[in-house]
Protein backbone atom coordinates (compact mmCIF):
# COMPACT_ATOMS: atom_id res chain seq x y z
CA MET A 1 25.68 -3.45 12.90
CA ASN A 2 23.80 -1.06 10.64
CA LYS A 3 24.48 -0.94 6.92
CA LYS A 4 25.68 2.37 5.49
CA LEU A 5 23.04 3.82 3.14
CA MET A 6 23.65 6.38 0.40
CA ILE A 7 20.75 7.83 -1.61
CA LEU A 8 21.50 9.25 -5.06
CA ILE A 9 18.70 11.27 -6.69
CA ASP A 10 18.56 11.97 -10.42
CA GLY A 11 16.50 15.17 -10.16
CA GLN A 12 15.24 15.38 -13.73
CA ASN A 13 14.35 11.70 -13.81
CA ILE A 14 12.27 11.83 -10.62
CA TYR A 15 10.60 15.03 -11.86
CA TYR A 16 9.41 13.30 -15.04
CA GLY A 17 8.53 10.19 -13.07
CA CYS A 18 6.19 12.26 -10.90
CA LYS A 19 4.59 13.93 -13.95
CA GLY A 20 4.01 10.55 -15.60
CA PHE A 21 2.58 9.08 -12.40
CA ARG A 22 0.00 11.86 -12.13
CA SER A 23 0.14 15.17 -13.97
CA ASP A 24 -0.54 17.22 -10.82
CA TYR A 25 1.69 15.12 -8.53
CA LYS A 26 4.43 16.99 -6.67
CA TYR A 27 6.82 15.43 -4.23
CA ASN A 28 8.50 16.57 -1.05
CA ILE A 29 12.16 15.64 -1.29
CA GLU A 30 12.67 15.52 2.48
CA LYS A 31 9.75 13.11 2.88
CA LEU A 32 11.06 11.00 -0.03
CA VAL A 33 14.45 10.72 1.66
CA GLU A 34 12.78 9.86 4.96
CA VAL A 35 10.61 7.15 3.38
CA LEU A 36 13.54 5.58 1.53
CA SER A 37 15.92 5.72 4.48
CA ASN A 38 13.38 4.02 6.75
CA LEU A 39 12.39 1.14 4.45
CA LYS A 40 14.62 -1.24 6.42
CA ALA A 41 15.54 -0.88 10.07
CA ASP A 42 19.15 -2.05 9.75
CA ARG A 43 20.33 0.98 7.74
CA GLU A 44 22.04 4.22 8.68
CA LEU A 45 21.78 7.09 6.21
CA ILE A 46 25.27 8.49 5.59
CA ASP A 47 24.69 10.75 2.57
CA VAL A 48 22.06 12.04 0.16
CA ARG A 49 23.34 13.25 -3.19
CA TYR A 50 21.06 15.24 -5.50
CA TYR A 51 21.93 15.78 -9.18
CA GLY A 52 20.11 18.32 -11.33
CA SER A 53 20.45 20.79 -14.15
CA LEU A 54 19.49 24.43 -14.45
CA LYS A 55 18.07 25.54 -17.78
CA PRO A 56 18.79 29.19 -18.63
CA VAL A 57 15.96 31.69 -19.06
CA ASP A 58 14.18 31.41 -22.41
CA LYS A 59 13.28 34.99 -23.32
CA ASN A 60 10.74 33.69 -25.85
CA LYS A 61 8.68 31.97 -23.13
CA PRO A 62 6.41 34.09 -20.95
CA ASN A 63 7.18 33.90 -17.21
CA ASP A 64 10.33 31.81 -17.79
CA GLU A 65 12.32 34.11 -15.51
CA GLU A 66 9.97 33.09 -12.68
CA ARG A 67 10.54 29.38 -13.48
CA PHE A 68 14.29 30.01 -13.44
CA ARG A 69 14.18 31.83 -10.07
CA LYS A 70 12.06 29.06 -8.50
CA GLN A 71 14.36 26.34 -9.78
CA GLN A 72 17.42 28.25 -8.61
CA GLY A 73 15.83 28.74 -5.17
CA PHE A 74 15.00 25.03 -4.96
CA TYR A 75 18.61 24.08 -5.70
CA GLU A 76 19.92 26.62 -3.20
CA SER A 77 17.69 25.18 -0.46
CA LEU A 78 18.92 21.66 -1.22
CA LYS A 79 22.54 22.67 -0.65
CA TYR A 80 21.85 23.12 3.06
CA LYS A 81 20.50 19.58 3.46
CA TYR A 82 22.16 17.37 0.86
CA THR A 83 25.25 17.07 -1.29
CA THR A 84 24.02 18.84 -4.41
CA PHE A 85 25.37 18.92 -7.95
CA VAL A 86 23.74 21.27 -10.42
CA LYS A 87 24.93 21.56 -14.00
CA ARG A 88 23.89 24.37 -16.30
CA THR A 89 21.85 23.07 -19.21
CA LYS A 90 23.35 23.89 -22.58
CA MET A 91 21.10 25.24 -25.30
CA LYS A 92 21.56 23.73 -28.75
CA GLU A 93 20.27 25.41 -31.89
CA THR A 94 18.02 23.01 -33.78
CA LYS A 95 16.26 23.40 -37.11
CA CYS A 96 12.81 21.90 -37.61
CA ARG A 97 12.79 19.57 -40.63
CA ILE A 98 9.13 20.28 -41.32
CA CYS A 99 8.78 24.06 -41.02
CA GLY A 100 12.42 25.10 -41.31
CA LYS A 101 12.32 27.33 -38.20
CA THR A 102 15.29 27.39 -35.86
CA PHE A 103 14.81 27.08 -32.12
CA LEU A 104 16.88 26.43 -29.01
CA GLU A 105 16.61 22.99 -27.46
CA PRO A 106 17.92 22.21 -23.95
CA LYS A 107 20.61 19.52 -23.70
CA GLU A 108 21.44 18.24 -20.23
CA LYS A 109 25.12 17.36 -20.11
CA GLY A 110 27.14 15.69 -17.39
CA VAL A 111 24.44 14.87 -14.85
CA ASP A 112 24.23 11.13 -15.60
CA VAL A 113 28.02 10.89 -15.72
CA SER A 114 28.21 12.50 -12.26
CA VAL A 115 25.63 10.06 -10.86
CA ALA A 116 27.33 7.03 -12.43
CA SER A 117 30.79 8.16 -11.28
CA ASP A 118 29.67 8.65 -7.68
CA LEU A 119 27.74 5.37 -7.61
CA LEU A 120 30.78 3.49 -8.88
CA LEU A 121 33.50 5.36 -6.98
CA TYR A 122 31.87 5.33 -3.56
CA GLY A 123 30.82 1.73 -4.06
CA LEU A 124 34.35 0.61 -4.99
CA LEU A 125 35.71 2.51 -2.00
CA ARG A 126 33.10 0.77 0.18
CA GLU A 127 31.74 4.12 1.39
CA TYR A 128 28.28 2.54 1.43
CA ASP A 129 26.80 -0.93 1.81
CA VAL A 130 23.50 -0.03 0.17
CA ALA A 131 22.84 2.60 -2.50
CA ILE A 132 19.34 3.63 -3.43
CA LEU A 133 19.39 5.22 -6.85
CA VAL A 134 16.30 7.33 -7.49
CA SER A 135 16.20 7.06 -11.27
CA GLY A 136 14.77 4.91 -14.00
CA ASP A 137 17.51 5.65 -16.52
CA SER A 138 18.64 2.36 -18.06
CA ASP A 139 22.06 3.91 -18.83
CA PHE A 140 22.93 3.10 -15.20
CA ALA A 141 22.45 -0.67 -15.68
CA PRO A 142 26.02 -1.40 -16.91
CA VAL A 143 27.53 0.62 -14.03
CA ILE A 144 25.41 -1.29 -11.50
CA ARG A 145 26.43 -4.63 -13.04
CA LYS A 146 30.14 -3.73 -12.96
CA LEU A 147 29.90 -2.61 -9.35
CA ARG A 148 28.02 -5.73 -8.26
CA ASP A 149 30.48 -7.98 -10.15
CA ARG A 150 33.38 -6.37 -8.30
CA HIS A 151 31.67 -6.23 -4.87
CA PRO A 152 28.76 -8.72 -4.72
CA SER A 153 27.96 -7.76 -1.11
CA ILE A 154 27.03 -4.20 -2.13
CA ARG A 155 23.34 -3.65 -2.71
CA VAL A 156 22.07 -1.24 -5.35
CA GLU A 157 18.35 -0.59 -5.27
CA ILE A 158 16.36 1.42 -7.79
CA ALA A 159 13.52 3.66 -6.57
CA GLN A 160 11.25 5.16 -9.21
CA PHE A 161 7.71 5.08 -10.54
CA ARG A 162 6.91 1.86 -12.39
CA HIS A 163 6.40 3.49 -15.82
CA MET A 164 9.94 4.95 -15.78
CA VAL A 165 11.96 1.75 -15.27
CA GLY A 166 12.80 -0.77 -17.96
CA VAL A 167 13.53 -4.46 -17.64
CA ASP A 168 17.31 -4.01 -18.04
CA LEU A 169 17.60 -1.72 -15.02
CA LYS A 170 15.33 -3.94 -12.91
CA GLN A 171 17.52 -6.94 -13.73
CA ALA A 172 20.74 -5.07 -12.92
CA CYS A 173 19.73 -3.95 -9.43
CA ASN A 174 19.20 -5.96 -6.25
CA GLU A 175 15.73 -4.57 -5.65
CA PHE A 176 13.20 -2.33 -7.37
CA ILE A 177 11.34 0.02 -5.02
CA GLU A 178 8.10 0.93 -6.75
CA LEU A 179 7.36 4.53 -5.81
CA ASP A 180 3.76 4.18 -7.03
CA LYS A 181 3.04 2.24 -3.84
CA LEU A 182 4.73 4.84 -1.60
CA ALA A 183 3.71 8.06 -3.40
CA GLU A 184 1.16 9.21 -0.81
CA LYS A 185 3.87 9.16 1.86
CA PHE A 186 6.03 11.80 0.16
CA GLU A 187 3.49 13.90 -1.71
CA LEU A 188 3.79 17.66 -1.28
């Protein structure tokens, strides 16, 4: 009998993972999902959940409206293929300690909580047997440990580029899938 597979993608984390892997590297999300869902033959993909944030237009940056439209279009296209959660990024006024100028700084709120909640909830409900979390955020390590303590038969695997994943997260999960070795298979 096939194991139920759920893939949870931390959009911002994979974006920065790609940039750190190679500055011009861009990924194809459909190919990434295909690669991850076919790593082991005994798995059936039941859901893909994508979590992201949408930063408002910065009128002080040239061409930022174009960036906003592209990002919005990307998220809209995802909604037809995957379960998609997009939070609006809040802008926080920050004052530079050196020059004294005030500027707006983006603060992503609620995305990690949504990922952690879904990972834990659907795991506790036994909606999946295997979860592949596409993220290197070590804040997920305690959630993974709690879930695995409660249901040792559930597998949680981390998929991310090597430079984005710390020791704590690697120790918490069942398996670390090093995207560096698979990157050519899902490059745009």
